[in-house]
Amino acid sequence: MRWKLDNFGHRLLFVPETRDEYAALHKNYCTDVIDFILNETRLDNPYTQIKILQDEDPDIPENPGITVFLVHNLAREYRSTYLFFNENPKKEVKISLRDTQYIGEIGSYSSMLEIKKDGTIKFVRNNYTIWQNSAQLPYNALIVPI
């Protein structure tokens, strides 16, 4: 018997905060702490909006600022398909597997360095970040907007 990996993929999933009062409290905390820090440091606000993420496929605005999406938890889902077969006569069994793992990241922000053909380097970033309101140690969730 032989086997081969036929397909593999992964995606980032979120668990929305279903308790409206918790979601509102977390959003208010994030807004207040960001305003306080920016007032004290006299820095410009990089965040254009803070949204409680409920939609499966959120609209990500095309603007120069950063949108903050608030969620309860983040997970990665892995999907793979394996083919098991023998050579003579050709018989094949296809098995698909799925696994979801909570990733424990309380804040998520991606930036990349892009190297152009002429050798120059450009800093590229996503125009969104994802913050979750749950953590093994609660103060970690409170530190993220700071």
C-alpha atoms as a PDB file:
ATOM      1  CA  MET A   1       0.000   0.000   0.000  1.00  0.00           C
ATOM      2  CA  ARG A   2       1.192   3.513  -0.812  1.00  0.00           C
ATOM      3  CA  TRP A   3      -0.079   6.942   0.067  1.00  0.00           C
ATOM      4  CA  LYS A   4       0.366  10.557  -0.954  1.00  0.00           C
ATOM      5  CA  LEU A   5      -0.753  13.941   0.275  1.00  0.00           C
ATOM      6  CA  ASP A   6      -3.276  15.165  -2.269  1.00  0.00           C
ATOM      7  CA  ASN A   7      -4.201  18.540  -0.793  1.00  0.00           C
ATOM      8  CA  PHE A   8      -3.284  20.681   2.223  1.00  0.00           C
ATOM      9  CA  GLY A   9      -4.477  24.086   3.381  1.00  0.00           C
ATOM     10  CA  HIS A  10      -5.014  26.228   6.438  1.00  0.00           C
ATOM     11  CA  ARG A  11      -6.955  29.315   7.376  1.00  0.00           C
ATOM     12  CA  LEU A  12      -7.337  31.679  10.308  1.00  0.00           C
ATOM     13  CA  LEU A  13     -10.678  31.439  12.115  1.00  0.00           C
ATOM     14  CA  PHE A  14     -12.173  33.615  14.793  1.00  0.00           C
ATOM     15  CA  VAL A  15     -14.668  32.983  17.536  1.00  0.00           C
ATOM     16  CA  PRO A  16     -16.902  36.043  17.946  1.00  0.00           C
ATOM     17  CA  GLU A  17     -17.733  37.411  21.373  1.00  0.00           C
ATOM     18  CA  THR A  18     -21.391  36.442  21.759  1.00  0.00           C
ATOM     19  CA  ARG A  19     -21.913  38.271  25.052  1.00  0.00           C
ATOM     20  CA  ASP A  20     -22.858  41.801  23.970  1.00  0.00           C
ATOM     21  CA  GLU A  21     -21.928  43.392  27.296  1.00  0.00           C
ATOM     22  CA  TYR A  22     -18.420  41.835  27.229  1.00  0.00           C
ATOM     23  CA  ALA A  23     -17.898  42.888  23.612  1.00  0.00           C
ATOM     24  CA  ALA A  24     -18.970  46.481  24.373  1.00  0.00           C
ATOM     25  CA  LEU A  25     -16.820  46.622  27.517  1.00  0.00           C
ATOM     26  CA  HIS A  26     -13.740  45.384  25.620  1.00  0.00           C
ATOM     27  CA  LYS A  27     -14.320  47.880  22.798  1.00  0.00           C
ATOM     28  CA  ASN A  28     -14.746  50.766  25.269  1.00  0.00           C
ATOM     29  CA  TYR A  29     -11.583  49.737  27.131  1.00  0.00           C
ATOM     30  CA  CYS A  30      -9.547  49.578  23.907  1.00  0.00           C
ATOM     31  CA  THR A  31     -10.843  52.966  22.737  1.00  0.00           C
ATOM     32  CA  ASP A  32     -10.190  54.632  26.112  1.00  0.00           C
ATOM     33  CA  VAL A  33      -6.684  53.236  26.609  1.00  0.00           C
ATOM     34  CA  ILE A  34      -5.633  54.119  23.052  1.00  0.00           C
ATOM     35  CA  ASP A  35      -6.988  57.679  23.450  1.00  0.00           C
ATOM     36  CA  PHE A  36      -5.178  58.082  26.773  1.00  0.00           C
ATOM     37  CA  ILE A  37      -1.823  56.867  25.448  1.00  0.00           C
ATOM     38  CA  LEU A  38      -2.028  58.947  22.284  1.00  0.00           C
ATOM     39  CA  ASN A  39      -2.936  62.056  24.294  1.00  0.00           C
ATOM     40  CA  GLU A  40      -0.005  61.499  26.649  1.00  0.00           C
ATOM     41  CA  THR A  41       2.504  60.785  23.879  1.00  0.00           C
ATOM     42  CA  ARG A  42       1.051  63.295  21.382  1.00  0.00           C
ATOM     43  CA  LEU A  43       1.227  60.682  18.623  1.00  0.00           C
ATOM     44  CA  ASP A  44      -1.181  60.409  15.708  1.00  0.00           C
ATOM     45  CA  ASN A  45      -3.812  57.708  15.939  1.00  0.00           C
ATOM     46  CA  PRO A  46      -2.970  54.890  13.470  1.00  0.00           C
ATOM     47  CA  TYR A  47      -6.382  53.253  14.012  1.00  0.00           C
ATOM     48  CA  THR A  48      -9.227  54.358  11.759  1.00  0.00           C
ATOM     49  CA  GLN A  49     -11.829  52.225  13.496  1.00  0.00           C
ATOM     50  CA  ILE A  50     -12.331  49.597  16.172  1.00  0.00           C
ATOM     51  CA  LYS A  51     -14.985  47.018  15.255  1.00  0.00           C
ATOM     52  CA  ILE A  52     -16.470  44.009  17.027  1.00  0.00           C
ATOM     53  CA  LEU A  53     -16.067  41.250  14.461  1.00  0.00           C
ATOM     54  CA  GLN A  54     -19.250  39.241  13.943  1.00  0.00           C
ATOM     55  CA  ASP A  55     -19.333  38.711  10.165  1.00  0.00           C
ATOM     56  CA  GLU A  56     -17.710  35.644   8.689  1.00  0.00           C
ATOM     57  CA  ASP A  57     -16.086  37.656   5.894  1.00  0.00           C
ATOM     58  CA  PRO A  58     -15.537  41.214   7.156  1.00  0.00           C
ATOM     59  CA  ASP A  59     -15.094  44.228   4.912  1.00  0.00           C
ATOM     60  CA  ILE A  60     -11.521  45.474   5.236  1.00  0.00           C
ATOM     61  CA  PRO A  61     -11.449  49.155   4.289  1.00  0.00           C
ATOM     62  CA  GLU A  62      -8.879  50.334   1.757  1.00  0.00           C
ATOM     63  CA  ASN A  63      -7.446  53.278   3.667  1.00  0.00           C
ATOM     64  CA  PRO A  64      -4.030  54.195   5.019  1.00  0.00           C
ATOM     65  CA  GLY A  65      -5.037  53.553   8.627  1.00  0.00           C
ATOM     66  CA  ILE A  66      -5.491  50.338  10.572  1.00  0.00           C
ATOM     67  CA  THR A  67      -8.844  48.748  11.410  1.00  0.00           C
ATOM     68  CA  VAL A  68      -8.957  46.834  14.697  1.00  0.00           C
ATOM     69  CA  PHE A  69     -11.199  43.775  14.774  1.00  0.00           C
ATOM     70  CA  LEU A  70     -12.167  42.550  18.251  1.00  0.00           C
ATOM     71  CA  VAL A  71     -12.923  38.839  18.710  1.00  0.00           C
ATOM     72  CA  HIS A  72     -13.219  36.342  21.556  1.00  0.00           C
ATOM     73  CA  ASN A  73     -10.629  33.845  20.293  1.00  0.00           C
ATOM     74  CA  LEU A  74      -8.467  32.947  17.282  1.00  0.00           C
ATOM     75  CA  ALA A  75      -7.809  29.519  15.793  1.00  0.00           C
ATOM     76  CA  ARG A  76      -6.084  27.945  12.812  1.00  0.00           C
ATOM     77  CA  GLU A  77      -7.903  25.281  10.865  1.00  0.00           C
ATOM     78  CA  TYR A  78      -5.854  22.737   8.922  1.00  0.00           C
ATOM     79  CA  ARG A  79      -7.379  20.598   6.153  1.00  0.00           C
ATOM     80  CA  SER A  80      -5.629  17.786   4.326  1.00  0.00           C
ATOM     81  CA  THR A  81      -6.605  15.070   1.889  1.00  0.00           C
ATOM     82  CA  TYR A  82      -4.650  11.814   1.611  1.00  0.00           C
ATOM     83  CA  LEU A  83      -4.817   9.200  -1.106  1.00  0.00           C
ATOM     84  CA  PHE A  84      -4.127   5.574  -0.199  1.00  0.00           C
ATOM     85  CA  PHE A  85      -3.677   3.193  -3.104  1.00  0.00           C
ATOM     86  CA  ASN A  86      -2.108  -0.002  -4.374  1.00  0.00           C
ATOM     87  CA  GLU A  87      -0.546  -0.491  -7.777  1.00  0.00           C
ATOM     88  CA  ASN A  88      -2.118  -3.690  -8.996  1.00  0.00           C
ATOM     89  CA  PRO A  89      -5.058  -3.481  -9.628  1.00  0.00           C
ATOM     90  CA  LYS A  90      -5.350   0.300  -9.123  1.00  0.00           C
ATOM     91  CA  LYS A  91      -7.624   0.957  -6.153  1.00  0.00           C
ATOM     92  CA  GLU A  92      -7.742   4.240  -4.325  1.00  0.00           C
ATOM     93  CA  VAL A  93      -9.177   5.480  -1.030  1.00  0.00           C
ATOM     94  CA  LYS A  94      -9.414   9.198  -0.329  1.00  0.00           C
ATOM     95  CA  ILE A  95      -9.480  10.453   3.280  1.00  0.00           C
ATOM     96  CA  SER A  96      -9.953  14.078   4.316  1.00  0.00           C
ATOM     97  CA  LEU A  97      -8.920  15.277   7.771  1.00  0.00           C
ATOM     98  CA  ARG A  98      -9.527  18.548   9.575  1.00  0.00           C
ATOM     99  CA  ASP A  99      -8.022  19.934  12.784  1.00  0.00           C
ATOM    100  CA  THR A 100      -8.640  23.205  14.578  1.00  0.00           C
ATOM    101  CA  GLN A 101      -6.197  24.603  17.117  1.00  0.00           C
ATOM    102  CA  TYR A 102      -6.596  27.712  19.228  1.00  0.00           C
ATOM    103  CA  ILE A 103      -3.414  29.650  18.666  1.00  0.00           C
ATOM    104  CA  GLY A 104      -3.202  31.660  21.872  1.00  0.00           C
ATOM    105  CA  GLU A 105      -2.216  34.887  20.096  1.00  0.00           C
ATOM    106  CA  ILE A 106      -3.901  37.789  21.800  1.00  0.00           C
ATOM    107  CA  GLY A 107      -2.919  40.288  19.118  1.00  0.00           C
ATOM    108  CA  SER A 108      -2.309  39.720  15.442  1.00  0.00           C
ATOM    109  CA  TYR A 109      -0.632  42.137  13.056  1.00  0.00           C
ATOM    110  CA  SER A 110       1.268  41.327   9.891  1.00  0.00           C
ATOM    111  CA  SER A 111       3.972  43.284   8.164  1.00  0.00           C
ATOM    112  CA  MET A 112       6.365  42.254   5.454  1.00  0.00           C
ATOM    113  CA  LEU A 113       9.455  43.527   3.666  1.00  0.00           C
ATOM    114  CA  GLU A 114       9.039  43.495  -0.091  1.00  0.00           C
ATOM    115  CA  ILE A 115      12.227  43.396  -2.170  1.00  0.00           C
ATOM    116  CA  LYS A 116      11.621  44.967  -5.575  1.00  0.00           C
ATOM    117  CA  LYS A 117      13.370  44.031  -8.820  1.00  0.00           C
ATOM    118  CA  ASP A 118      15.633  47.088  -8.577  1.00  0.00           C
ATOM    119  CA  GLY A 119      16.833  45.936  -5.137  1.00  0.00           C
ATOM    120  CA  THR A 120      14.954  48.543  -3.114  1.00  0.00           C
ATOM    121  CA  ILE A 121      13.048  47.419  -0.053  1.00  0.00           C
ATOM    122  CA  LYS A 122       9.493  48.450   0.755  1.00  0.00           C
ATOM    123  CA  PHE A 123       7.745  48.004   4.108  1.00  0.00           C
ATOM    124  CA  VAL A 124       4.260  46.560   3.558  1.00  0.00           C
ATOM    125  CA  ARG A 125       1.651  46.004   6.269  1.00  0.00           C
ATOM    126  CA  ASN A 126      -1.886  44.774   6.530  1.00  0.00           C
ATOM    127  CA  ASN A 127      -4.423  47.507   7.134  1.00  0.00           C
ATOM    128  CA  TYR A 128      -6.078  45.522   9.919  1.00  0.00           C
ATOM    129  CA  THR A 129      -5.226  43.857  13.208  1.00  0.00           C
ATOM    130  CA  ILE A 130      -7.146  41.290  15.250  1.00  0.00           C
ATOM    131  CA  TRP A 131      -7.307  41.498  19.048  1.00  0.00           C
ATOM    132  CA  GLN A 132      -8.955  38.885  21.214  1.00  0.00           C
ATOM    133  CA  ASN A 133     -10.489  39.469  24.623  1.00  0.00           C
ATOM    134  CA  SER A 134      -9.565  36.089  26.095  1.00  0.00           C
ATOM    135  CA  ALA A 135      -6.170  34.944  27.326  1.00  0.00           C
ATOM    136  CA  GLN A 136      -4.752  32.450  29.774  1.00  0.00           C
ATOM    137  CA  LEU A 137      -3.661  35.423  31.901  1.00  0.00           C
ATOM    138  CA  PRO A 138      -6.326  38.170  31.656  1.00  0.00           C
ATOM    139  CA  TYR A 139      -3.866  41.060  31.920  1.00  0.00           C
ATOM    140  CA  ASN A 140      -2.322  39.911  28.610  1.00  0.00           C
ATOM    141  CA  ALA A 141      -5.578  40.728  26.805  1.00  0.00           C
ATOM    142  CA  LEU A 142      -5.591  44.150  28.479  1.00  0.00           C
ATOM    143  CA  ILE A 143      -2.018  44.916  27.327  1.00  0.00           C
ATOM    144  CA  VAL A 144      -2.656  44.415  23.591  1.00  0.00           C
ATOM    145  CA  PRO A 145      -4.108  47.863  22.802  1.00  0.00           C
ATOM    146  CA  ILE A 146      -1.345  49.495  24.869  1.00  0.00           C
END
